[in-house]
Amino acid sequence: MTTFSKILSKTDTSKALSVPTKYLKSLPSFKGGHAASFQAMDESGFVWTFQCSTRQKGHPKPVLSKGWLSFVRNKKLKVGDKIKFISVLDQTAATPFYRVRAEKEIRIFGAIFGYSPIIAPSIP
């Protein structure tokens, strides 16, 4: 099981989600290209399709582009909220199974107290 989590920045909520390079090995093969699509199930059971792409030259700088902004809008994510991707390798499947979890920032008197999962039904 591999997990990637991140507190969302302005760029993450308005353009594309920047993904750590080390998480690329947990995604489906790019098969020599610079993009790979994969599906991830959210807390409500809805399956989202995302595309991860990298630069063709220099540092790969992976980002989730296609499908990501729909997810952000649907979950009403804002800067400071948290996202978590979990890939679980099923021994009977050829590719990993992915879960995506969005969490809202909880503030009390201006201080971050923690994060609460968003479990509302997803309707893209």
C-alpha atoms as a PDB file:
ATOM      1  CA  MET A   1       0.000   0.000   0.000  1.00  0.00           C
ATOM      2  CA  THR A   2       1.347   3.416  -0.981  1.00  0.00           C
ATOM      3  CA  THR A   3      -0.092   6.702   0.254  1.00  0.00           C
ATOM      4  CA  PHE A   4       0.332  10.239  -0.975  1.00  0.00           C
ATOM      5  CA  SER A   5      -1.275  13.108   0.926  1.00  0.00           C
ATOM      6  CA  LYS A   6      -1.030  16.826   0.524  1.00  0.00           C
ATOM      7  CA  ILE A   7      -2.387  20.076   1.910  1.00  0.00           C
ATOM      8  CA  LEU A   8      -3.817  21.840  -1.129  1.00  0.00           C
ATOM      9  CA  SER A   9      -2.260  25.033  -2.479  1.00  0.00           C
ATOM     10  CA  LYS A  10      -3.842  27.684  -4.712  1.00  0.00           C
ATOM     11  CA  THR A  11      -2.347  26.012  -7.804  1.00  0.00           C
ATOM     12  CA  ASP A  12      -3.703  22.618  -6.670  1.00  0.00           C
ATOM     13  CA  THR A  13      -7.254  23.997  -6.395  1.00  0.00           C
ATOM     14  CA  SER A  14      -7.240  26.138  -9.533  1.00  0.00           C
ATOM     15  CA  LYS A  15      -5.055  24.384 -12.140  1.00  0.00           C
ATOM     16  CA  ALA A  16      -3.650  20.912 -11.455  1.00  0.00           C
ATOM     17  CA  LEU A  17      -2.536  18.789  -8.492  1.00  0.00           C
ATOM     18  CA  SER A  18       1.221  18.565  -8.186  1.00  0.00           C
ATOM     19  CA  VAL A  19       2.226  14.966  -7.396  1.00  0.00           C
ATOM     20  CA  PRO A  20       5.521  13.904  -5.766  1.00  0.00           C
ATOM     21  CA  THR A  21       7.845  12.238  -8.284  1.00  0.00           C
ATOM     22  CA  LYS A  22       8.352   9.268  -5.942  1.00  0.00           C
ATOM     23  CA  TYR A  23       4.595   8.489  -6.152  1.00  0.00           C
ATOM     24  CA  LEU A  24       4.859   7.878  -9.940  1.00  0.00           C
ATOM     25  CA  LYS A  25       5.981   4.283  -9.340  1.00  0.00           C
ATOM     26  CA  SER A  26       2.599   3.648  -7.651  1.00  0.00           C
ATOM     27  CA  LEU A  27       0.636   4.762 -10.725  1.00  0.00           C
ATOM     28  CA  PRO A  28      -0.099   2.673 -13.822  1.00  0.00           C
ATOM     29  CA  SER A  29       2.687   2.481 -16.386  1.00  0.00           C
ATOM     30  CA  PHE A  30       3.090   5.418 -18.729  1.00  0.00           C
ATOM     31  CA  LYS A  31       4.175   2.842 -21.360  1.00  0.00           C
ATOM     32  CA  GLY A  32       6.938   5.080 -22.673  1.00  0.00           C
ATOM     33  CA  GLY A  33       4.644   8.126 -22.902  1.00  0.00           C
ATOM     34  CA  HIS A  34       4.152  11.143 -20.689  1.00  0.00           C
ATOM     35  CA  ALA A  35       0.612  10.516 -19.423  1.00  0.00           C
ATOM     36  CA  ALA A  36      -1.376   7.748 -17.785  1.00  0.00           C
ATOM     37  CA  SER A  37      -5.039   7.586 -16.792  1.00  0.00           C
ATOM     38  CA  PHE A  38      -6.288   5.812 -13.704  1.00  0.00           C
ATOM     39  CA  GLN A  39      -9.448   5.559 -11.655  1.00  0.00           C
ATOM     40  CA  ALA A  40      -9.872   6.162  -7.943  1.00  0.00           C
ATOM     41  CA  MET A  41     -12.883   5.565  -5.708  1.00  0.00           C
ATOM     42  CA  ASP A  42     -13.895   8.258  -3.227  1.00  0.00           C
ATOM     43  CA  GLU A  43     -15.486   7.847   0.211  1.00  0.00           C
ATOM     44  CA  SER A  44     -19.008   7.782  -1.250  1.00  0.00           C
ATOM     45  CA  GLY A  45     -18.133   4.960  -3.671  1.00  0.00           C
ATOM     46  CA  PHE A  46     -18.001   7.146  -6.785  1.00  0.00           C
ATOM     47  CA  VAL A  47     -15.193   6.323  -9.233  1.00  0.00           C
ATOM     48  CA  TRP A  48     -13.219   9.275 -10.619  1.00  0.00           C
ATOM     49  CA  THR A  49     -10.968   9.139 -13.680  1.00  0.00           C
ATOM     50  CA  PHE A  50      -7.758  11.171 -13.440  1.00  0.00           C
ATOM     51  CA  GLN A  51      -4.838  11.631 -15.780  1.00  0.00           C
ATOM     52  CA  CYS A  52      -1.301  12.041 -14.489  1.00  0.00           C
ATOM     53  CA  SER A  53       1.167  13.628 -16.882  1.00  0.00           C
ATOM     54  CA  THR A  54       4.820  14.634 -16.778  1.00  0.00           C
ATOM     55  CA  ARG A  55       6.975  17.108 -18.637  1.00  0.00           C
ATOM     56  CA  GLN A  56       8.662  15.747 -21.737  1.00  0.00           C
ATOM     57  CA  LYS A  57      12.025  17.388 -20.936  1.00  0.00           C
ATOM     58  CA  GLY A  58      13.909  18.070 -17.722  1.00  0.00           C
ATOM     59  CA  HIS A  59      12.466  17.268 -14.288  1.00  0.00           C
ATOM     60  CA  PRO A  60       9.288  15.223 -14.783  1.00  0.00           C
ATOM     61  CA  LYS A  61       7.135  17.357 -12.359  1.00  0.00           C
ATOM     62  CA  PRO A  62       4.065  15.067 -12.395  1.00  0.00           C
ATOM     63  CA  VAL A  63       0.604  16.636 -12.169  1.00  0.00           C
ATOM     64  CA  LEU A  64      -2.978  15.392 -12.146  1.00  0.00           C
ATOM     65  CA  SER A  65      -4.799  17.338 -14.796  1.00  0.00           C
ATOM     66  CA  LYS A  66      -7.814  15.745 -16.493  1.00  0.00           C
ATOM     67  CA  GLY A  67     -10.559  14.996 -14.007  1.00  0.00           C
ATOM     68  CA  TRP A  68      -8.855  16.826 -11.143  1.00  0.00           C
ATOM     69  CA  LEU A  69     -10.689  20.173 -11.312  1.00  0.00           C
ATOM     70  CA  SER A  70     -14.069  18.394 -11.540  1.00  0.00           C
ATOM     71  CA  PHE A  71     -13.144  16.586  -8.330  1.00  0.00           C
ATOM     72  CA  VAL A  72     -12.112  19.876  -6.661  1.00  0.00           C
ATOM     73  CA  ARG A  73     -15.390  21.577  -7.636  1.00  0.00           C
ATOM     74  CA  ASN A  74     -17.522  18.604  -6.633  1.00  0.00           C
ATOM     75  CA  LYS A  75     -15.910  18.350  -3.196  1.00  0.00           C
ATOM     76  CA  LYS A  76     -15.789  22.165  -2.823  1.00  0.00           C
ATOM     77  CA  LEU A  77     -12.108  21.957  -1.942  1.00  0.00           C
ATOM     78  CA  LYS A  78     -10.219  25.080  -0.924  1.00  0.00           C
ATOM     79  CA  VAL A  79      -6.626  26.036  -0.174  1.00  0.00           C
ATOM     80  CA  GLY A  80      -5.675  24.349   3.106  1.00  0.00           C
ATOM     81  CA  ASP A  81      -7.896  21.294   2.618  1.00  0.00           C
ATOM     82  CA  LYS A  82      -6.200  17.911   2.368  1.00  0.00           C
ATOM     83  CA  ILE A  83      -6.194  15.214  -0.301  1.00  0.00           C
ATOM     84  CA  LYS A  84      -5.039  11.639   0.085  1.00  0.00           C
ATOM     85  CA  PHE A  85      -4.464   8.997  -2.594  1.00  0.00           C
ATOM     86  CA  ILE A  86      -3.986   5.395  -1.533  1.00  0.00           C
ATOM     87  CA  SER A  87      -2.909   2.674  -3.936  1.00  0.00           C
ATOM     88  CA  VAL A  88      -3.463  -0.894  -2.844  1.00  0.00           C
ATOM     89  CA  LEU A  89      -1.917  -3.688  -4.869  1.00  0.00           C
ATOM     90  CA  ASP A  90      -4.387  -6.522  -5.259  1.00  0.00           C
ATOM     91  CA  GLN A  91      -2.475  -9.760  -5.807  1.00  0.00           C
ATOM     92  CA  THR A  92      -5.163 -10.957  -8.271  1.00  0.00           C
ATOM     93  CA  ALA A  93      -5.165  -7.774 -10.384  1.00  0.00           C
ATOM     94  CA  ALA A  94      -2.524  -6.578 -12.798  1.00  0.00           C
ATOM     95  CA  THR A  95      -2.770  -2.949 -11.640  1.00  0.00           C
ATOM     96  CA  PRO A  96      -3.234  -1.328  -8.243  1.00  0.00           C
ATOM     97  CA  PHE A  97      -6.620  -0.224  -6.935  1.00  0.00           C
ATOM     98  CA  TYR A  98      -6.813   3.459  -5.947  1.00  0.00           C
ATOM     99  CA  ARG A  99      -8.783   5.339  -3.338  1.00  0.00           C
ATOM    100  CA  VAL A 100      -9.028   9.123  -3.090  1.00  0.00           C
ATOM    101  CA  ARG A 101     -10.041  10.915   0.068  1.00  0.00           C
ATOM    102  CA  ALA A 102     -10.768  14.638   0.426  1.00  0.00           C
ATOM    103  CA  GLU A 103     -10.667  16.223   3.869  1.00  0.00           C
ATOM    104  CA  LYS A 104     -11.872  19.666   4.952  1.00  0.00           C
ATOM    105  CA  GLU A 105      -9.718  21.756   7.217  1.00  0.00           C
ATOM    106  CA  ILE A 106     -11.227  22.256  10.691  1.00  0.00           C
ATOM    107  CA  ARG A 107     -10.381  25.598  12.269  1.00  0.00           C
ATOM    108  CA  ILE A 108     -11.209  26.660  15.794  1.00  0.00           C
ATOM    109  CA  PHE A 109     -10.483  30.272  16.719  1.00  0.00           C
ATOM    110  CA  GLY A 110      -8.212  30.553  13.670  1.00  0.00           C
ATOM    111  CA  ALA A 111      -6.055  27.537  14.560  1.00  0.00           C
ATOM    112  CA  ILE A 112      -6.072  24.366  12.464  1.00  0.00           C
ATOM    113  CA  PHE A 113      -7.552  21.690  14.699  1.00  0.00           C
ATOM    114  CA  GLY A 114      -7.503  18.833  12.196  1.00  0.00           C
ATOM    115  CA  TYR A 115      -9.221  17.494   9.092  1.00  0.00           C
ATOM    116  CA  SER A 116     -12.625  15.915   8.532  1.00  0.00           C
ATOM    117  CA  PRO A 117     -13.353  13.536   5.617  1.00  0.00           C
ATOM    118  CA  ILE A 118     -15.841  14.666   2.980  1.00  0.00           C
ATOM    119  CA  ILE A 119     -18.326  11.831   2.536  1.00  0.00           C
ATOM    120  CA  ALA A 120     -21.099  13.651   0.649  1.00  0.00           C
ATOM    121  CA  PRO A 121     -22.410  11.841  -2.451  1.00  0.00           C
ATOM    122  CA  SER A 122     -20.414  12.667  -5.566  1.00  0.00           C
ATOM    123  CA  ILE A 123     -22.240  13.906  -8.636  1.00  0.00           C
ATOM    124  CA  PRO A 124     -19.817  15.178 -11.297  1.00  0.00           C
END
